[in-house]
N, C-alpha and C. Protein backbone atom coordinates (compact mmCIF):
# COMPACT_ATOMS: atom_id res chain seq x y z
N MET A 1 4.22 22.09 -0.49
CA MET A 1 5.08 20.69 -0.85
C MET A 1 4.15 19.68 0.13
N ASP A 2 4.20 18.45 -0.62
CA ASP A 2 5.12 16.92 0.29
C ASP A 2 5.83 16.44 0.91
N TYR A 3 6.63 17.04 1.98
CA TYR A 3 7.39 16.53 2.13
C TYR A 3 7.52 14.97 2.04
N PHE A 4 6.84 14.02 2.53
CA PHE A 4 6.88 12.87 2.63
C PHE A 4 7.03 12.19 1.51
N HIS A 5 6.82 12.74 -0.31
CA HIS A 5 7.11 12.28 -0.86
C HIS A 5 7.90 12.59 -2.02
N SER A 6 7.70 13.93 -2.15
CA SER A 6 9.51 14.85 -2.55
C SER A 6 10.38 14.08 -3.09
N LYS A 7 10.74 14.66 -4.91
CA LYS A 7 12.01 14.39 -5.07
C LYS A 7 11.76 13.06 -4.98
N GLN A 8 10.99 12.03 -4.57
CA GLN A 8 10.46 10.51 -4.47
C GLN A 8 10.90 9.52 -6.16
N ASN A 9 11.61 8.36 -6.01
CA ASN A 9 11.58 8.13 -7.21
C ASN A 9 10.98 6.83 -7.26
N PHE A 10 9.58 7.44 -8.27
CA PHE A 10 8.85 7.16 -8.43
C PHE A 10 9.13 5.20 -9.30
N SER A 11 10.20 5.26 -9.88
CA SER A 11 10.73 3.50 -10.68
C SER A 11 10.79 2.93 -10.23
N PRO A 12 9.45 2.09 -9.69
CA PRO A 12 10.34 0.74 -9.06
C PRO A 12 10.84 -0.51 -10.33
N ALA A 13 11.49 -1.09 -9.51
CA ALA A 13 12.47 -2.64 -10.56
C ALA A 13 12.31 -3.93 -9.50
N LYS A 14 12.37 -4.43 -9.96
CA LYS A 14 12.04 -6.26 -8.91
C LYS A 14 13.89 -5.81 -8.13
N GLY A 15 13.11 -6.27 -7.27
CA GLY A 15 14.66 -6.17 -6.07
C GLY A 15 14.12 -4.88 -4.99
N ASP A 16 13.99 -4.16 -5.47
CA ASP A 16 13.55 -2.43 -4.73
C ASP A 16 12.40 -2.81 -3.62
N LEU A 17 12.04 -2.38 -2.53
CA LEU A 17 11.59 -2.28 -1.52
C LEU A 17 10.43 -0.90 -1.59
N LEU A 18 8.94 -1.10 -1.05
CA LEU A 18 8.38 -0.54 -0.86
C LEU A 18 7.74 -0.65 0.27
N ILE A 19 7.41 0.59 0.94
CA ILE A 19 7.09 1.67 2.17
C ILE A 19 6.46 1.90 2.58
N SER A 20 5.06 1.09 2.84
CA SER A 20 3.85 1.89 3.01
C SER A 20 3.66 3.35 3.27
N GLU A 21 3.17 4.44 2.54
CA GLU A 21 3.10 5.49 3.70
C GLU A 21 2.84 5.61 4.92
N PRO A 22 2.58 6.62 5.60
CA PRO A 22 1.99 6.33 7.04
C PRO A 22 0.57 6.16 7.38
N TYR A 23 0.13 6.57 6.74
CA TYR A 23 -1.44 6.44 7.47
C TYR A 23 -2.57 5.33 5.96
N LEU A 24 -1.38 4.89 5.43
CA LEU A 24 -2.07 3.93 4.48
C LEU A 24 -3.32 3.05 4.85
N PRO A 25 -4.37 3.51 4.45
CA PRO A 25 -6.05 3.11 4.75
C PRO A 25 -6.48 1.91 4.75
N ASP A 26 -6.07 1.14 4.00
CA ASP A 26 -5.72 -0.66 3.94
C ASP A 26 -4.84 -1.54 4.62
N PRO A 27 -6.20 -2.24 5.68
CA PRO A 27 -5.33 -2.62 6.76
C PRO A 27 -4.75 -4.26 5.88
N ASN A 28 -4.71 -4.24 4.77
CA ASN A 28 -3.53 -5.28 4.36
C ASN A 28 -2.68 -4.94 4.42
N PHE A 29 -1.77 -3.07 4.01
CA PHE A 29 -0.71 -3.01 3.76
C PHE A 29 0.00 -1.68 4.89
N GLU A 30 -1.18 -1.62 6.07
CA GLU A 30 -0.40 -0.88 7.09
C GLU A 30 0.61 -1.01 7.70
N ARG A 31 1.64 0.20 7.37
CA ARG A 31 2.96 0.12 7.51
C ARG A 31 3.89 -1.30 7.55
N THR A 32 3.53 -1.59 6.28
CA THR A 32 4.25 -2.98 5.45
C THR A 32 5.37 -2.33 4.83
N VAL A 33 6.25 -3.47 4.84
CA VAL A 33 7.55 -3.29 3.34
C VAL A 33 7.16 -4.48 2.69
N ILE A 34 6.97 -3.76 1.31
CA ILE A 34 7.27 -5.68 0.65
C ILE A 34 8.32 -5.38 -0.23
N LEU A 35 8.71 -6.65 -0.86
CA LEU A 35 9.71 -7.14 -1.30
C LEU A 35 9.50 -7.00 -2.53
N LEU A 36 9.47 -6.14 -4.15
CA LEU A 36 9.24 -6.63 -5.03
C LEU A 36 9.69 -7.36 -6.15
N CYS A 37 9.33 -8.55 -6.13
CA CYS A 37 9.65 -9.31 -7.36
C CYS A 37 9.66 -9.19 -8.70
N ALA A 38 9.20 -8.44 -9.27
CA ALA A 38 8.52 -7.82 -10.65
C ALA A 38 8.01 -6.76 -10.61
N HIS A 39 8.15 -6.28 -11.70
CA HIS A 39 7.28 -4.82 -12.19
C HIS A 39 7.60 -4.73 -13.73
N ASP A 40 6.69 -5.07 -14.70
CA ASP A 40 6.84 -4.90 -16.01
C ASP A 40 5.22 -4.72 -16.88
N ASP A 41 5.66 -4.68 -18.35
CA ASP A 41 4.43 -4.48 -18.50
C ASP A 41 3.31 -5.09 -18.23
N ASN A 42 3.40 -6.37 -17.73
CA ASN A 42 2.47 -7.32 -17.36
C ASN A 42 1.73 -7.41 -16.00
N GLY A 43 2.45 -6.44 -14.70
CA GLY A 43 1.93 -6.06 -14.10
C GLY A 43 3.06 -6.11 -12.77
N SER A 44 2.28 -6.39 -11.76
CA SER A 44 3.77 -5.97 -10.23
C SER A 44 3.62 -7.45 -8.94
N PHE A 45 4.45 -8.29 -8.62
CA PHE A 45 4.18 -8.57 -7.10
C PHE A 45 5.49 -8.58 -6.69
N GLY A 46 4.87 -8.60 -5.17
CA GLY A 46 5.51 -8.96 -4.46
C GLY A 46 5.44 -9.81 -3.33
N PHE A 47 6.06 -9.50 -1.85
CA PHE A 47 5.93 -10.62 -0.73
C PHE A 47 6.11 -9.59 0.51
N VAL A 48 4.91 -8.66 1.72
CA VAL A 48 5.13 -8.11 2.62
C VAL A 48 6.09 -9.11 3.56
N LEU A 49 6.87 -8.10 3.58
CA LEU A 49 8.30 -8.45 4.85
C LEU A 49 8.06 -8.42 6.54
N ASN A 50 6.78 -7.74 6.78
CA ASN A 50 6.60 -7.70 7.71
C ASN A 50 4.88 -8.28 8.44
N LYS A 51 4.51 -9.66 7.73
CA LYS A 51 3.66 -9.50 8.08
C LYS A 51 3.19 -11.31 8.86
N PRO A 52 3.18 -11.21 9.84
CA PRO A 52 3.32 -12.67 10.27
C PRO A 52 2.05 -13.39 9.95
N ALA A 53 1.82 -14.99 9.93
CA ALA A 53 0.87 -15.20 9.78
C ALA A 53 0.30 -16.41 10.82
N ASN A 54 -0.41 -16.81 11.17
CA ASN A 54 -1.26 -17.38 12.54
C ASN A 54 -0.26 -18.62 12.21
N MET A 55 0.53 -18.95 11.41
CA MET A 55 0.41 -20.81 11.33
C MET A 55 2.40 -20.84 11.18
N ARG A 56 2.35 -22.17 10.59
CA ARG A 56 3.87 -22.49 10.73
C ARG A 56 4.31 -23.12 9.63
N PHE A 57 5.49 -23.27 9.13
CA PHE A 57 5.33 -23.79 7.81
C PHE A 57 5.26 -25.28 7.65
N ASN A 58 5.66 -26.23 8.88
CA ASN A 58 5.02 -27.51 9.12
C ASN A 58 3.94 -27.34 9.01
N ASP A 59 2.87 -26.21 9.83
CA ASP A 59 1.00 -27.17 9.50
C ASP A 59 0.95 -27.07 7.81
N ALA A 60 1.63 -26.11 7.29
CA ALA A 60 1.01 -25.90 5.78
C ALA A 60 2.02 -27.07 4.40
N ILE A 61 2.85 -27.59 4.70
CA ILE A 61 3.55 -28.86 4.38
C ILE A 61 4.16 -29.79 5.19
N ASP A 62 2.81 -31.03 4.93
CA ASP A 62 3.16 -31.90 5.38
C ASP A 62 4.89 -33.16 5.37
N GLU A 63 5.36 -32.73 4.36
CA GLU A 63 6.23 -33.24 4.34
C GLU A 63 8.21 -32.75 4.97
N ALA A 64 7.63 -31.43 5.45
CA ALA A 64 8.26 -30.55 6.41
C ALA A 64 8.91 -31.17 8.18
N GLY A 65 8.47 -31.86 8.10
CA GLY A 65 8.81 -32.33 9.09
C GLY A 65 8.52 -31.84 10.35
N GLY A 66 9.42 -31.50 11.33
CA GLY A 66 9.32 -30.36 12.46
C GLY A 66 10.19 -29.32 12.18
N PHE A 67 10.32 -28.67 10.65
CA PHE A 67 10.60 -27.58 10.54
C PHE A 67 9.72 -26.54 10.79
N ASP A 68 9.23 -25.90 12.11
CA ASP A 68 8.48 -25.10 12.71
C ASP A 68 9.02 -24.18 12.58
N GLU A 69 9.11 -23.04 11.16
CA GLU A 69 9.48 -21.71 11.15
C GLU A 69 8.48 -20.84 10.83
N PRO A 70 7.91 -20.15 10.70
CA PRO A 70 7.07 -19.32 10.89
C PRO A 70 6.91 -19.06 9.72
N LEU A 71 5.81 -18.57 9.41
CA LEU A 71 5.13 -18.29 7.93
C LEU A 71 4.78 -16.34 7.98
N PHE A 72 4.84 -15.73 6.49
CA PHE A 72 4.65 -14.33 6.88
C PHE A 72 3.08 -14.36 5.88
N LEU A 73 2.38 -13.47 5.70
CA LEU A 73 1.29 -13.22 5.03
C LEU A 73 2.00 -11.95 3.63
N GLY A 74 2.37 -13.03 2.67
CA GLY A 74 2.65 -12.62 1.88
C GLY A 74 2.30 -11.05 1.09
N GLY A 75 0.36 -11.30 0.89
CA GLY A 75 -0.49 -10.53 0.40
C GLY A 75 -1.61 -10.85 0.41
N PRO A 76 -2.75 -10.33 -0.04
CA PRO A 76 -4.02 -10.40 0.48
C PRO A 76 -4.56 -11.53 -1.20
N VAL A 77 -3.73 -11.53 -2.07
CA VAL A 77 -3.88 -12.57 -2.81
C VAL A 77 -3.65 -13.94 -3.30
N GLN A 78 -4.51 -15.08 -3.20
CA GLN A 78 -4.28 -16.25 -3.44
C GLN A 78 -3.34 -16.93 -2.21
N GLN A 79 -3.98 -16.82 -0.87
CA GLN A 79 -3.02 -17.37 0.36
C GLN A 79 -3.52 -18.50 0.47
N ASP A 80 -3.56 -19.31 -0.89
CA ASP A 80 -3.41 -20.95 -0.32
C ASP A 80 -2.54 -21.10 -0.98
N THR A 81 -1.68 -20.49 -1.31
CA THR A 81 0.01 -20.55 -2.16
C THR A 81 0.69 -20.00 -1.46
N LEU A 82 2.04 -20.79 -1.42
CA LEU A 82 2.92 -20.97 -0.69
C LEU A 82 4.42 -20.16 -1.54
N HIS A 83 5.11 -19.55 -1.13
CA HIS A 83 6.19 -19.04 -1.66
C HIS A 83 7.48 -18.62 -0.58
N PHE A 84 8.79 -18.21 -1.47
CA PHE A 84 9.85 -18.37 -0.09
C PHE A 84 10.63 -17.17 -1.59
N ILE A 85 11.82 -16.62 -0.17
CA ILE A 85 12.87 -16.20 -0.63
C ILE A 85 13.89 -16.57 -0.14
N HIS A 86 15.24 -16.12 -0.37
CA HIS A 86 16.47 -16.59 0.13
C HIS A 86 17.32 -16.14 -0.23
N ARG A 87 18.31 -16.23 0.68
CA ARG A 87 19.47 -15.89 0.42
C ARG A 87 20.73 -17.02 0.51
N CYS A 88 20.17 -18.04 -0.23
CA CYS A 88 21.23 -19.26 0.07
C CYS A 88 22.20 -19.26 -1.26
N ASP A 89 23.43 -19.82 -0.81
CA ASP A 89 24.00 -19.95 -2.25
C ASP A 89 23.98 -21.68 -3.02
N ASP A 90 23.17 -22.13 -2.59
CA ASP A 90 23.37 -23.66 -3.05
C ASP A 90 22.55 -24.08 -4.42
N PRO A 91 23.73 -23.99 -5.59
CA PRO A 91 23.37 -23.81 -6.96
C PRO A 91 21.59 -25.02 -6.81
N GLU A 92 21.70 -26.17 -6.63
CA GLU A 92 20.16 -26.84 -6.49
C GLU A 92 19.46 -26.21 -6.66
N LEU A 93 19.39 -25.58 -5.75
CA LEU A 93 17.88 -24.95 -5.28
C LEU A 93 17.91 -23.40 -5.96
N GLY A 94 18.74 -22.73 -6.60
CA GLY A 94 18.79 -21.48 -7.54
C GLY A 94 17.56 -20.92 -7.20
N GLY A 95 16.58 -20.34 -7.88
CA GLY A 95 15.56 -19.34 -7.78
C GLY A 95 16.20 -17.81 -8.75
N GLN A 96 15.12 -16.94 -9.19
CA GLN A 96 15.32 -15.30 -9.24
C GLN A 96 15.65 -14.79 -9.11
N VAL A 97 17.42 -13.84 -9.36
CA VAL A 97 17.51 -13.09 -9.10
C VAL A 97 17.11 -11.83 -8.88
N LEU A 98 17.14 -11.35 -7.60
CA LEU A 98 16.22 -9.99 -7.19
C LEU A 98 17.02 -8.97 -7.40
N GLY A 99 18.41 -9.41 -7.04
CA GLY A 99 19.61 -8.38 -5.85
C GLY A 99 21.23 -9.39 -5.79
N ASP A 100 21.83 -8.58 -5.52
CA ASP A 100 23.27 -8.96 -4.77
C ASP A 100 22.88 -10.22 -3.78
N GLY A 101 22.50 -11.64 -4.53
CA GLY A 101 22.62 -12.19 -3.26
C GLY A 101 21.04 -12.45 -2.19
N LEU A 102 20.22 -12.26 -3.14
CA LEU A 102 19.14 -12.35 -2.93
C LEU A 102 17.94 -13.28 -3.53
N PHE A 103 17.42 -13.89 -3.17
CA PHE A 103 16.36 -15.06 -4.68
C PHE A 103 15.32 -15.59 -4.12
N TRP A 104 14.29 -15.42 -5.36
CA TRP A 104 13.05 -15.64 -5.22
C TRP A 104 12.31 -16.66 -5.40
N GLY A 105 12.09 -17.71 -4.84
CA GLY A 105 11.97 -19.06 -5.27
C GLY A 105 12.88 -20.25 -5.19
N GLY A 106 12.44 -21.13 -6.19
CA GLY A 106 13.56 -21.97 -6.33
C GLY A 106 13.37 -23.61 -6.62
N ASN A 107 14.23 -24.41 -6.53
CA ASN A 107 13.31 -25.53 -6.81
C ASN A 107 13.15 -26.42 -5.44
N TYR A 108 11.56 -26.54 -5.52
CA TYR A 108 10.54 -26.79 -4.81
C TYR A 108 10.88 -28.35 -3.89
N ASP A 109 11.91 -29.06 -4.91
CA ASP A 109 12.33 -29.94 -4.23
C ASP A 109 13.35 -30.44 -3.59
N ARG A 110 14.44 -29.21 -3.83
CA ARG A 110 15.75 -29.36 -3.80
C ARG A 110 14.96 -28.63 -1.78
N LEU A 111 14.03 -27.73 -1.83
CA LEU A 111 14.02 -27.13 -0.50
C LEU A 111 13.64 -28.35 0.01
N ILE A 112 12.61 -28.89 0.41
CA ILE A 112 12.40 -29.45 1.36
C ILE A 112 13.02 -30.77 0.92
N GLN A 113 14.01 -31.03 0.46
CA GLN A 113 15.47 -32.09 0.56
C GLN A 113 16.56 -31.83 1.83
N LEU A 114 17.07 -30.15 1.48
CA LEU A 114 17.47 -29.00 2.20
C LEU A 114 17.24 -29.42 3.60
N ILE A 115 15.43 -29.16 4.14
CA ILE A 115 14.69 -28.77 5.30
C ILE A 115 15.17 -30.51 6.13
N GLN A 116 14.70 -31.93 4.99
CA GLN A 116 14.15 -32.94 5.91
C GLN A 116 16.14 -33.01 5.96
N LEU A 117 16.95 -32.98 5.09
CA LEU A 117 18.53 -33.68 5.63
C LEU A 117 18.95 -32.62 7.52
N GLY A 118 18.19 -31.43 7.56
CA GLY A 118 18.15 -30.89 8.20
C GLY A 118 19.49 -29.33 8.02
N ILE A 119 19.93 -29.37 6.95
CA ILE A 119 20.81 -27.91 6.73
C ILE A 119 20.53 -26.66 5.51
N LEU A 120 18.94 -26.43 6.51
CA LEU A 120 18.73 -25.47 5.50
C LEU A 120 18.81 -24.30 6.58
N ASP A 121 19.37 -23.35 6.35
CA ASP A 121 19.51 -22.54 7.89
C ASP A 121 18.31 -21.12 7.71
N PRO A 122 17.16 -21.70 8.62
CA PRO A 122 16.07 -20.60 8.33
C PRO A 122 16.18 -19.45 8.32
N ARG A 123 17.64 -18.52 8.96
CA ARG A 123 17.76 -17.39 8.95
C ARG A 123 17.91 -16.88 7.58
N ASP A 124 18.25 -18.23 6.23
CA ASP A 124 18.88 -17.12 5.66
C ASP A 124 17.18 -17.45 4.36
N PHE A 125 15.79 -17.97 5.76
CA PHE A 125 14.63 -18.32 4.16
C PHE A 125 13.78 -16.93 4.57
N ARG A 126 12.46 -16.90 4.19
CA ARG A 126 11.49 -16.40 4.30
C ARG A 126 10.40 -17.12 3.53
N PHE A 127 9.41 -17.38 3.87
CA PHE A 127 8.38 -18.49 3.18
C PHE A 127 6.99 -17.34 3.58
N PHE A 128 6.33 -17.49 2.36
CA PHE A 128 5.50 -16.49 2.40
C PHE A 128 3.65 -17.45 2.09
N VAL A 129 2.71 -16.96 2.41
CA VAL A 129 1.83 -17.31 1.94
C VAL A 129 0.77 -16.31 1.48
N GLY A 130 0.74 -16.72 0.15
CA GLY A 130 -0.11 -15.36 -0.52
C GLY A 130 0.72 -14.36 -1.17
N TYR A 131 0.39 -13.18 -2.10
CA TYR A 131 1.50 -12.61 -2.22
C TYR A 131 0.41 -11.22 -2.45
N SER A 132 1.20 -9.93 -2.82
CA SER A 132 0.74 -9.21 -3.20
C SER A 132 0.88 -8.93 -4.91
N GLY A 133 -0.59 -8.09 -5.21
CA GLY A 133 -0.07 -8.01 -6.87
C GLY A 133 -1.01 -7.17 -7.16
N TRP A 134 -0.51 -6.15 -8.43
CA TRP A 134 -0.83 -5.18 -9.08
C TRP A 134 -0.52 -5.44 -10.65
N SER A 135 -2.25 -5.32 -11.03
CA SER A 135 -2.51 -4.97 -12.48
C SER A 135 -1.57 -4.41 -13.39
N HIS A 136 -1.11 -4.20 -14.51
CA HIS A 136 -0.40 -3.32 -15.39
C HIS A 136 -1.44 -1.91 -14.86
N GLY A 137 -0.28 -1.32 -14.65
CA GLY A 137 -0.53 0.49 -14.57
C GLY A 137 -1.30 0.69 -13.37
N GLN A 138 -1.33 -0.30 -12.06
CA GLN A 138 -2.16 -0.18 -11.13
C GLN A 138 -1.29 0.46 -9.53
N LEU A 139 0.21 -0.56 -9.83
CA LEU A 139 1.07 0.11 -8.73
C LEU A 139 2.10 1.21 -9.11
N THR A 140 2.23 2.24 -10.84
CA THR A 140 2.40 3.20 -10.99
C THR A 140 1.07 4.00 -10.60
N GLU A 141 0.14 3.96 -10.68
CA GLU A 141 -1.28 4.53 -9.80
C GLU A 141 -1.26 5.10 -8.93
N GLU A 142 -0.90 3.81 -7.76
CA GLU A 142 -0.27 3.70 -6.20
C GLU A 142 0.89 4.47 -6.04
N LEU A 143 1.95 4.90 -6.82
CA LEU A 143 2.80 5.72 -6.45
C LEU A 143 2.31 7.48 -6.63
N GLU A 144 1.89 7.32 -7.72
CA GLU A 144 1.26 8.55 -8.36
C GLU A 144 0.51 9.46 -7.18
N ALA A 145 -0.23 8.34 -6.58
CA ALA A 145 -1.17 8.44 -5.72
C ALA A 145 -0.99 8.95 -4.36
N LYS A 146 0.80 8.55 -4.14
CA LYS A 146 1.83 8.62 -2.79
C LYS A 146 1.11 7.56 -2.15
N SER A 147 0.57 6.82 -1.72
CA SER A 147 0.50 4.91 -0.98
C SER A 147 1.73 4.56 -1.09
N TRP A 148 2.85 4.99 -2.03
CA TRP A 148 4.41 4.17 -1.35
C TRP A 148 5.62 4.78 -1.40
N VAL A 149 6.90 4.57 -0.92
CA VAL A 149 7.88 5.62 -1.24
C VAL A 149 8.89 4.28 -1.72
N VAL A 150 9.45 4.23 -2.56
CA VAL A 150 10.48 3.21 -3.25
C VAL A 150 11.45 3.36 -2.85
N HIS A 151 12.05 2.36 -2.07
CA HIS A 151 13.81 1.93 -1.49
C HIS A 151 14.92 1.27 -3.02
N LYS A 152 14.85 1.78 -3.11
CA LYS A 152 16.13 1.40 -4.18
C LYS A 152 16.76 -0.07 -3.65
N LYS A 153 16.64 -0.88 -4.71
CA LYS A 153 17.34 -2.57 -4.71
C LYS A 153 17.37 -2.93 -2.87
N ALA A 154 16.59 -3.47 -2.42
CA ALA A 154 16.78 -4.25 -0.72
C ALA A 154 18.18 -4.61 -0.78
N THR A 155 18.91 -5.03 0.40
CA THR A 155 19.95 -5.94 0.52
C THR A 155 19.39 -7.39 1.60
N PRO A 156 20.20 -8.14 1.36
CA PRO A 156 20.00 -9.38 2.29
C PRO A 156 19.62 -9.20 3.58
N SER A 157 20.30 -8.15 3.91
CA SER A 157 20.30 -7.60 5.43
C SER A 157 19.02 -7.39 6.11
N GLN A 158 19.05 -6.70 4.46
CA GLN A 158 17.47 -5.71 4.73
C GLN A 158 16.72 -6.87 5.39
N VAL A 159 16.10 -7.41 4.77
CA VAL A 159 15.22 -8.08 4.21
C VAL A 159 15.83 -10.00 5.38
N PHE A 160 16.33 -10.28 6.19
CA PHE A 160 16.52 -11.30 6.94
C PHE A 160 17.17 -11.02 8.24
N ASP A 161 17.81 -10.29 7.75
CA ASP A 161 18.60 -9.44 9.65
C ASP A 161 17.75 -8.68 10.47
N THR A 162 16.25 -7.55 10.03
CA THR A 162 16.12 -7.00 10.35
C THR A 162 14.76 -7.47 11.02
N GLN A 163 14.98 -6.98 12.80
CA GLN A 163 13.77 -7.76 13.20
C GLN A 163 12.13 -7.70 12.88
N VAL A 164 10.93 -7.92 12.03
CA VAL A 164 10.14 -7.96 12.12
C VAL A 164 9.35 -6.25 11.93
N ASP A 165 9.14 -6.95 13.67
CA ASP A 165 8.30 -5.67 14.19
C ASP A 165 9.17 -4.36 13.99
N GLU A 166 10.46 -4.42 13.69
CA GLU A 166 10.75 -3.45 13.48
C GLU A 166 11.58 -2.58 12.04
N LEU A 167 10.89 -3.63 10.83
CA LEU A 167 11.57 -3.33 9.47
C LEU A 167 10.97 -2.09 9.03
N TRP A 168 9.82 -1.85 8.97
CA TRP A 168 8.87 -0.80 8.69
C TRP A 168 9.79 0.94 9.08
N LYS A 169 9.77 1.05 10.31
CA LYS A 169 10.28 2.11 10.81
C LYS A 169 12.31 2.04 10.52
N GLU A 170 12.37 0.92 9.98
CA GLU A 170 14.07 0.91 10.52
C GLU A 170 14.26 1.54 8.58
N VAL A 171 13.48 0.82 8.14
CA VAL A 171 14.19 1.11 6.40
C VAL A 171 13.46 2.49 6.16
N LEU A 172 12.49 3.59 6.58
CA LEU A 172 12.36 4.66 6.18
C LEU A 172 13.70 5.39 6.75
N GLU A 173 14.13 5.15 8.03
CA GLU A 173 15.41 5.61 8.58
C GLU A 173 16.82 5.26 8.06
N GLN A 174 17.13 4.92 7.25
CA GLN A 174 17.57 4.47 6.16
C GLN A 174 17.53 5.25 4.42
N LEU A 175 16.11 5.94 4.55
CA LEU A 175 16.33 6.21 3.21
C LEU A 175 16.63 7.96 4.13
N GLY A 176 16.81 8.36 5.40
CA GLY A 176 17.37 9.54 5.96
C GLY A 176 16.23 10.68 6.28
N GLY A 177 17.12 11.79 6.02
CA GLY A 177 16.18 12.80 6.09
C GLY A 177 14.41 13.30 6.50
N LYS A 178 13.68 13.30 5.65
CA LYS A 178 12.24 13.62 6.16
C LYS A 178 12.23 12.09 5.94
N PHE A 179 12.46 11.33 5.70
CA PHE A 179 11.73 9.82 5.83
C PHE A 179 12.24 9.72 7.49
N LYS A 180 13.27 9.84 7.41
CA LYS A 180 13.25 9.46 9.23
C LYS A 180 12.55 9.97 9.92
N MET A 181 12.26 10.54 9.80
CA MET A 181 11.12 11.73 10.79
C MET A 181 9.77 11.14 10.39
N PHE A 182 9.49 10.60 9.21
CA PHE A 182 8.11 10.21 8.66
C PHE A 182 8.24 8.71 10.23
N SER A 183 9.42 8.14 10.23
CA SER A 183 8.97 6.55 10.84
C SER A 183 9.21 6.77 11.89
N LYS A 184 9.30 8.27 13.00
CA LYS A 184 8.16 7.96 14.17
C LYS A 184 7.29 8.82 14.10
N TYR A 185 6.34 8.66 13.30
CA TYR A 185 5.02 8.86 12.95
C TYR A 185 4.21 7.71 13.86
N PRO A 186 3.07 8.59 14.42
CA PRO A 186 2.26 7.27 15.93
C PRO A 186 1.49 6.39 14.56
N ALA A 187 1.30 5.19 15.01
CA ALA A 187 0.11 4.32 14.19
C ALA A 187 -1.02 4.96 14.25
N ASP A 188 -1.43 5.27 15.14
CA ASP A 188 -2.80 6.77 15.32
C ASP A 188 -2.50 7.67 15.39
N PRO A 189 -2.09 8.90 14.50
CA PRO A 189 -2.57 9.85 14.19
C PRO A 189 -3.07 10.92 15.74
N ARG A 190 -4.45 10.07 16.35
CA ARG A 190 -5.50 11.05 16.87
C ARG A 190 -4.70 10.70 18.43
N MET A 191 -3.33 10.01 18.62
CA MET A 191 -2.56 9.62 19.96
C MET A 191 -1.15 10.90 19.67
N ASN A 192 -0.72 11.88 18.60
CA ASN A 192 -0.37 12.85 18.99
C ASN A 192 -0.28 14.05 19.60
């Protein structure tokens, strides 16, 4: 019996978290947590929440001035694009609803305006270069191959308030039971 994945819900939806299995061999997704922004007949995409990039927001966007917030590697696809998720209730900013108080994207001009006015609270935003994408059926195949665990309905607190370097472990612990045990697996099994 596969204790890591037994009775695991393989039906992800937008707003869910995908947690990589402990020894996923792909370095793009090693011990990652992905916020799923779409999962339908066209495919799936989301953003890796716990992989900081080696650049800052104002390195990528000239009109950001001194807005020196970190960027994250959202995934290996189109790393020349900028994306954001937020929990800001500014109606002019908007965005696609991912869950209760959690949004993807929004009005870019309003985002820059909030930054320039100095009223954007960086604790309510996460910025990404690139994204993680799957063609139609590809994510389902990876779930069946036991590469991912689905955590239903991410909360804004999980996404924005959890320390990035602890996110993978903490989300597994929140699932409880056998997943809590797997959160303690060493990154290198030879070190066990």
